[in-house]
Amino acid sequence: QVQLVESGGGLVQAGGFLRLSCAVSESFFSFNAMGWYRQAPGKQRELVAAISSGGRTIYADSVKGRFTISRDNAKFTVDLQMNSLEPEDTAVYYCNMKKLGADYWGQGTQVTVSS
């Protein structure tokens, strides 16, 4: 059974940083695209950043230059380094894995940025 477990969320002041990590129990982790999504209260879930099996990355315009996604295929993890955090970044952040046309999700981790 595939499991994704996020960690690293919390409360931080505007301008601060956090690093989220997602541990994946999936034997073929290196073959799958990974991503981070977020959902703020009253809003739809949105893509924050994604990384392909080959290491190509994409970012939402709102986080470009501030967030960095990375993966470690040896450790089966995908991280999201978030710098210069803004109150608008407050949301529940979800780890996502795409495998054979299906989406797998973690339970989410809360990120709160105070002004």
N, C-alpha and C. Protein backbone atom coordinates (compact mmCIF):
# COMPACT_ATOMS: atom_id res chain seq x y z
N GLN A 1 0.85 -1.19 0.00
CA GLN A 1 0.00 0.00 0.00
C GLN A 1 0.88 1.24 0.00
N VAL A 2 0.59 2.15 -0.91
CA VAL A 2 1.39 3.38 -1.00
C VAL A 2 1.00 4.33 0.12
N GLN A 3 2.01 4.87 0.78
CA GLN A 3 1.77 5.87 1.82
C GLN A 3 2.69 7.06 1.61
N LEU A 4 2.12 8.25 1.81
CA LEU A 4 2.88 9.48 1.76
C LEU A 4 2.69 10.18 3.10
N VAL A 5 3.77 10.52 3.76
CA VAL A 5 3.69 11.13 5.07
C VAL A 5 4.47 12.44 5.07
N GLU A 6 3.74 13.54 5.28
CA GLU A 6 4.36 14.86 5.30
C GLU A 6 4.81 15.23 6.71
N SER A 7 5.80 16.09 6.76
CA SER A 7 6.25 16.65 8.03
C SER A 7 6.87 18.02 7.76
N GLY A 8 7.01 18.80 8.83
CA GLY A 8 7.72 20.07 8.72
C GLY A 8 6.87 21.32 8.73
N GLY A 9 5.55 21.16 8.78
CA GLY A 9 4.71 22.34 8.84
C GLY A 9 4.81 23.03 10.19
N GLY A 10 4.16 24.19 10.30
CA GLY A 10 4.17 24.90 11.56
C GLY A 10 3.79 26.35 11.40
N LEU A 11 4.06 27.11 12.44
CA LEU A 11 3.75 28.54 12.48
C LEU A 11 5.05 29.32 12.33
N VAL A 12 5.04 30.30 11.43
CA VAL A 12 6.24 31.10 11.19
C VAL A 12 5.82 32.53 10.88
N GLN A 13 6.69 33.46 11.19
CA GLN A 13 6.40 34.86 10.87
C GLN A 13 6.69 35.15 9.40
N ALA A 14 6.02 36.14 8.89
CA ALA A 14 6.27 36.57 7.51
C ALA A 14 7.75 36.87 7.32
N GLY A 15 8.28 36.42 6.19
CA GLY A 15 9.70 36.57 5.91
C GLY A 15 10.52 35.38 6.35
N GLY A 16 9.92 34.49 7.11
CA GLY A 16 10.63 33.33 7.60
C GLY A 16 10.65 32.19 6.61
N PHE A 17 11.10 31.02 7.08
CA PHE A 17 11.21 29.87 6.19
C PHE A 17 10.78 28.61 6.91
N LEU A 18 10.39 27.64 6.09
CA LEU A 18 10.07 26.30 6.55
C LEU A 18 10.53 25.31 5.48
N ARG A 19 10.77 24.10 5.91
CA ARG A 19 11.09 23.04 4.97
C ARG A 19 10.14 21.88 5.21
N LEU A 20 9.37 21.54 4.19
CA LEU A 20 8.47 20.41 4.27
C LEU A 20 9.14 19.18 3.68
N SER A 21 8.83 18.03 4.25
CA SER A 21 9.37 16.79 3.73
C SER A 21 8.25 15.76 3.59
N CYS A 22 8.36 14.95 2.57
CA CYS A 22 7.37 13.90 2.34
C CYS A 22 8.11 12.58 2.16
N ALA A 23 7.80 11.64 3.02
CA ALA A 23 8.39 10.30 2.93
C ALA A 23 7.39 9.38 2.23
N VAL A 24 7.89 8.66 1.25
CA VAL A 24 7.02 7.84 0.40
C VAL A 24 7.38 6.37 0.51
N SER A 25 6.37 5.55 0.78
CA SER A 25 6.58 4.11 0.80
C SER A 25 6.14 3.56 -0.56
N GLU A 26 7.07 3.55 -1.47
CA GLU A 26 6.76 3.14 -2.84
C GLU A 26 8.06 2.65 -3.48
N SER A 27 8.07 1.39 -3.85
CA SER A 27 9.29 0.79 -4.37
C SER A 27 9.80 1.46 -5.63
N PHE A 28 8.86 1.95 -6.45
CA PHE A 28 9.25 2.54 -7.73
C PHE A 28 9.21 4.07 -7.66
N PHE A 29 9.54 4.61 -6.49
CA PHE A 29 9.49 6.05 -6.25
C PHE A 29 10.18 6.85 -7.34
N SER A 30 11.35 6.41 -7.76
CA SER A 30 12.16 7.19 -8.69
C SER A 30 11.50 7.34 -10.06
N PHE A 31 10.52 6.51 -10.36
CA PHE A 31 9.87 6.55 -11.66
C PHE A 31 8.67 7.50 -11.69
N ASN A 32 8.28 8.00 -10.55
CA ASN A 32 7.03 8.76 -10.44
C ASN A 32 7.25 10.25 -10.27
N ALA A 33 6.38 11.03 -10.90
CA ALA A 33 6.39 12.47 -10.68
C ALA A 33 5.83 12.76 -9.30
N MET A 34 6.41 13.76 -8.65
CA MET A 34 6.00 14.14 -7.31
C MET A 34 5.63 15.63 -7.30
N GLY A 35 4.78 15.99 -6.36
CA GLY A 35 4.40 17.40 -6.28
C GLY A 35 3.94 17.80 -4.91
N TRP A 36 3.89 19.09 -4.71
CA TRP A 36 3.31 19.69 -3.51
C TRP A 36 2.14 20.56 -3.93
N TYR A 37 1.02 20.36 -3.26
CA TYR A 37 -0.16 21.17 -3.47
C TYR A 37 -0.52 21.84 -2.14
N ARG A 38 -1.37 22.84 -2.23
CA ARG A 38 -1.85 23.47 -1.00
C ARG A 38 -3.31 23.86 -1.15
N GLN A 39 -3.96 23.94 -0.02
CA GLN A 39 -5.37 24.34 0.00
C GLN A 39 -5.60 25.26 1.18
N ALA A 40 -5.97 26.49 0.86
CA ALA A 40 -6.30 27.48 1.88
C ALA A 40 -7.81 27.41 2.17
N PRO A 41 -8.22 27.87 3.33
CA PRO A 41 -9.65 27.82 3.67
C PRO A 41 -10.52 28.52 2.61
N GLY A 42 -11.54 27.83 2.16
CA GLY A 42 -12.45 28.41 1.17
C GLY A 42 -11.93 28.44 -0.24
N LYS A 43 -10.77 27.85 -0.47
CA LYS A 43 -10.18 27.87 -1.81
C LYS A 43 -9.96 26.45 -2.32
N GLN A 44 -9.78 26.33 -3.62
CA GLN A 44 -9.49 25.04 -4.21
C GLN A 44 -8.04 24.66 -3.98
N ARG A 45 -7.79 23.38 -4.01
CA ARG A 45 -6.42 22.90 -3.91
C ARG A 45 -5.67 23.32 -5.18
N GLU A 46 -4.44 23.79 -4.98
CA GLU A 46 -3.66 24.26 -6.12
C GLU A 46 -2.26 23.68 -6.11
N LEU A 47 -1.70 23.55 -7.29
CA LEU A 47 -0.33 23.07 -7.42
C LEU A 47 0.64 24.16 -6.97
N VAL A 48 1.58 23.77 -6.14
CA VAL A 48 2.63 24.68 -5.70
C VAL A 48 3.91 24.43 -6.50
N ALA A 49 4.33 23.17 -6.55
CA ALA A 49 5.55 22.81 -7.26
C ALA A 49 5.50 21.32 -7.59
N ALA A 50 6.19 20.95 -8.65
CA ALA A 50 6.24 19.54 -9.04
C ALA A 50 7.62 19.23 -9.59
N ILE A 51 7.98 17.96 -9.50
CA ILE A 51 9.28 17.52 -9.98
C ILE A 51 9.09 16.17 -10.68
N SER A 52 9.62 16.06 -11.88
CA SER A 52 9.45 14.84 -12.64
C SER A 52 10.45 13.78 -12.18
N SER A 53 10.29 12.59 -12.73
CA SER A 53 11.23 11.52 -12.39
C SER A 53 12.64 11.89 -12.83
N GLY A 54 12.75 12.71 -13.84
CA GLY A 54 14.06 13.13 -14.33
C GLY A 54 14.60 14.38 -13.69
N GLY A 55 13.82 14.95 -12.75
CA GLY A 55 14.30 16.11 -12.01
C GLY A 55 13.87 17.46 -12.55
N ARG A 56 13.04 17.47 -13.58
CA ARG A 56 12.54 18.75 -14.09
C ARG A 56 11.50 19.30 -13.11
N THR A 57 11.52 20.61 -12.93
CA THR A 57 10.65 21.24 -11.94
C THR A 57 9.75 22.30 -12.56
N ILE A 58 8.59 22.46 -11.98
CA ILE A 58 7.69 23.56 -12.33
C ILE A 58 7.18 24.16 -11.03
N TYR A 59 6.84 25.45 -11.09
CA TYR A 59 6.37 26.16 -9.91
C TYR A 59 5.17 27.04 -10.25
N ALA A 60 4.31 27.22 -9.28
CA ALA A 60 3.27 28.21 -9.41
C ALA A 60 3.92 29.59 -9.45
N ASP A 61 3.34 30.49 -10.21
CA ASP A 61 3.92 31.83 -10.34
C ASP A 61 4.08 32.50 -8.98
N SER A 62 3.16 32.22 -8.07
CA SER A 62 3.16 32.90 -6.78
C SER A 62 4.33 32.49 -5.88
N VAL A 63 5.00 31.39 -6.21
CA VAL A 63 6.08 30.92 -5.35
C VAL A 63 7.43 30.90 -6.05
N LYS A 64 7.46 31.22 -7.32
CA LYS A 64 8.72 31.22 -8.07
C LYS A 64 9.73 32.13 -7.40
N GLY A 65 10.94 31.62 -7.25
CA GLY A 65 12.01 32.40 -6.64
C GLY A 65 12.04 32.32 -5.12
N ARG A 66 10.98 31.75 -4.54
CA ARG A 66 10.92 31.63 -3.07
C ARG A 66 10.94 30.17 -2.61
N PHE A 67 10.30 29.30 -3.38
CA PHE A 67 10.21 27.89 -3.01
C PHE A 67 11.08 27.04 -3.93
N THR A 68 11.59 25.94 -3.38
CA THR A 68 12.39 25.01 -4.16
C THR A 68 11.96 23.58 -3.83
N ILE A 69 11.62 22.83 -4.86
CA ILE A 69 11.27 21.42 -4.67
C ILE A 69 12.48 20.56 -5.04
N SER A 70 12.68 19.49 -4.29
CA SER A 70 13.78 18.58 -4.57
C SER A 70 13.36 17.17 -4.18
N ARG A 71 14.07 16.20 -4.72
CA ARG A 71 13.78 14.82 -4.38
C ARG A 71 15.07 14.06 -4.15
N ASP A 72 14.97 13.04 -3.30
CA ASP A 72 16.10 12.17 -3.03
C ASP A 72 15.61 10.75 -3.30
N ASN A 73 15.97 10.22 -4.45
CA ASN A 73 15.48 8.90 -4.84
C ASN A 73 16.05 7.78 -3.99
N ALA A 74 17.18 8.03 -3.36
CA ALA A 74 17.76 7.01 -2.48
C ALA A 74 17.01 6.93 -1.16
N LYS A 75 16.48 8.07 -0.72
CA LYS A 75 15.76 8.12 0.56
C LYS A 75 14.25 8.07 0.39
N PHE A 76 13.77 8.10 -0.86
CA PHE A 76 12.33 8.08 -1.14
C PHE A 76 11.64 9.28 -0.50
N THR A 77 12.23 10.45 -0.67
CA THR A 77 11.66 11.65 -0.10
C THR A 77 11.59 12.77 -1.14
N VAL A 78 10.66 13.67 -0.92
CA VAL A 78 10.56 14.88 -1.71
C VAL A 78 10.37 16.04 -0.74
N ASP A 79 11.14 17.08 -0.90
CA ASP A 79 11.12 18.21 0.02
C ASP A 79 10.66 19.48 -0.68
N LEU A 80 10.17 20.40 0.13
CA LEU A 80 9.81 21.72 -0.37
C LEU A 80 10.42 22.75 0.58
N GLN A 81 11.44 23.44 0.10
CA GLN A 81 12.05 24.52 0.86
C GLN A 81 11.29 25.79 0.57
N MET A 82 10.76 26.41 1.61
CA MET A 82 9.94 27.61 1.45
C MET A 82 10.62 28.78 2.15
N ASN A 83 11.05 29.74 1.39
CA ASN A 83 11.70 30.94 1.92
C ASN A 83 10.82 32.17 1.71
N SER A 84 11.15 33.22 2.43
CA SER A 84 10.42 34.49 2.30
C SER A 84 8.90 34.26 2.35
N LEU A 85 8.48 33.53 3.34
CA LEU A 85 7.07 33.17 3.45
C LEU A 85 6.20 34.41 3.67
N GLU A 86 5.01 34.33 3.10
CA GLU A 86 4.04 35.42 3.17
C GLU A 86 2.75 34.89 3.79
N PRO A 87 1.96 35.77 4.40
CA PRO A 87 0.68 35.31 4.97
C PRO A 87 -0.18 34.57 3.95
N GLU A 88 -0.06 34.95 2.68
CA GLU A 88 -0.84 34.30 1.62
C GLU A 88 -0.42 32.85 1.39
N ASP A 89 0.69 32.44 1.94
CA ASP A 89 1.14 31.05 1.83
C ASP A 89 0.48 30.14 2.86
N THR A 90 -0.28 30.72 3.76
CA THR A 90 -0.97 29.93 4.78
C THR A 90 -1.95 28.95 4.12
N ALA A 91 -1.79 27.68 4.44
CA ALA A 91 -2.62 26.64 3.84
C ALA A 91 -2.22 25.28 4.43
N VAL A 92 -3.01 24.28 4.09
CA VAL A 92 -2.59 22.91 4.33
C VAL A 92 -1.85 22.45 3.07
N TYR A 93 -0.67 21.94 3.27
CA TYR A 93 0.18 21.51 2.16
C TYR A 93 0.12 19.98 2.05
N TYR A 94 -0.08 19.51 0.83
CA TYR A 94 -0.22 18.09 0.57
C TYR A 94 0.86 17.60 -0.39
N CYS A 95 1.41 16.47 -0.07
CA CYS A 95 2.34 15.78 -0.96
C CYS A 95 1.53 14.93 -1.93
N ASN A 96 1.97 14.88 -3.17
CA ASN A 96 1.25 14.14 -4.21
C ASN A 96 2.22 13.30 -5.03
N MET A 97 1.78 12.11 -5.36
CA MET A 97 2.54 11.25 -6.27
C MET A 97 1.62 10.81 -7.40
N LYS A 98 2.13 10.87 -8.60
CA LYS A 98 1.38 10.41 -9.77
C LYS A 98 2.00 9.11 -10.25
N LYS A 99 1.17 8.07 -10.28
CA LYS A 99 1.66 6.76 -10.66
C LYS A 99 0.63 6.08 -11.55
N LEU A 100 1.02 5.80 -12.76
CA LEU A 100 0.16 5.06 -13.70
C LEU A 100 -1.22 5.70 -13.81
N GLY A 101 -1.25 7.02 -13.89
CA GLY A 101 -2.50 7.73 -14.07
C GLY A 101 -3.29 7.96 -12.82
N ALA A 102 -2.82 7.51 -11.71
CA ALA A 102 -3.54 7.69 -10.43
C ALA A 102 -2.80 8.67 -9.55
N ASP A 103 -3.55 9.36 -8.70
CA ASP A 103 -2.98 10.30 -7.74
C ASP A 103 -3.01 9.70 -6.35
N TYR A 104 -1.90 9.89 -5.65
CA TYR A 104 -1.80 9.46 -4.27
C TYR A 104 -1.47 10.70 -3.43
N TRP A 105 -2.09 10.78 -2.25
CA TRP A 105 -1.97 11.98 -1.42
C TRP A 105 -1.55 11.64 -0.01
N GLY A 106 -0.82 12.57 0.59
CA GLY A 106 -0.55 12.49 2.00
C GLY A 106 -1.70 13.09 2.79
N GLN A 107 -1.56 13.11 4.10
CA GLN A 107 -2.63 13.60 4.96
C GLN A 107 -2.63 15.11 5.10
N GLY A 108 -1.56 15.74 4.69
CA GLY A 108 -1.45 17.19 4.74
C GLY A 108 -0.75 17.68 5.99
N THR A 109 -0.10 18.83 5.86
CA THR A 109 0.55 19.47 6.99
C THR A 109 0.24 20.97 6.95
N GLN A 110 -0.11 21.51 8.09
CA GLN A 110 -0.53 22.92 8.16
C GLN A 110 0.67 23.85 8.18
N VAL A 111 0.61 24.85 7.34
CA VAL A 111 1.59 25.94 7.34
C VAL A 111 0.83 27.23 7.61
N THR A 112 1.24 27.94 8.65
CA THR A 112 0.59 29.20 9.01
C THR A 112 1.66 30.28 9.07
N VAL A 113 1.45 31.34 8.31
CA VAL A 113 2.39 32.46 8.26
C VAL A 113 1.71 33.68 8.86
N SER A 114 2.26 34.18 9.93
CA SER A 114 1.67 35.34 10.60
C SER A 114 2.30 36.62 10.06
N SER A 115 1.50 37.67 10.06
CA SER A 115 2.00 38.96 9.53
C SER A 115 2.59 39.82 10.63
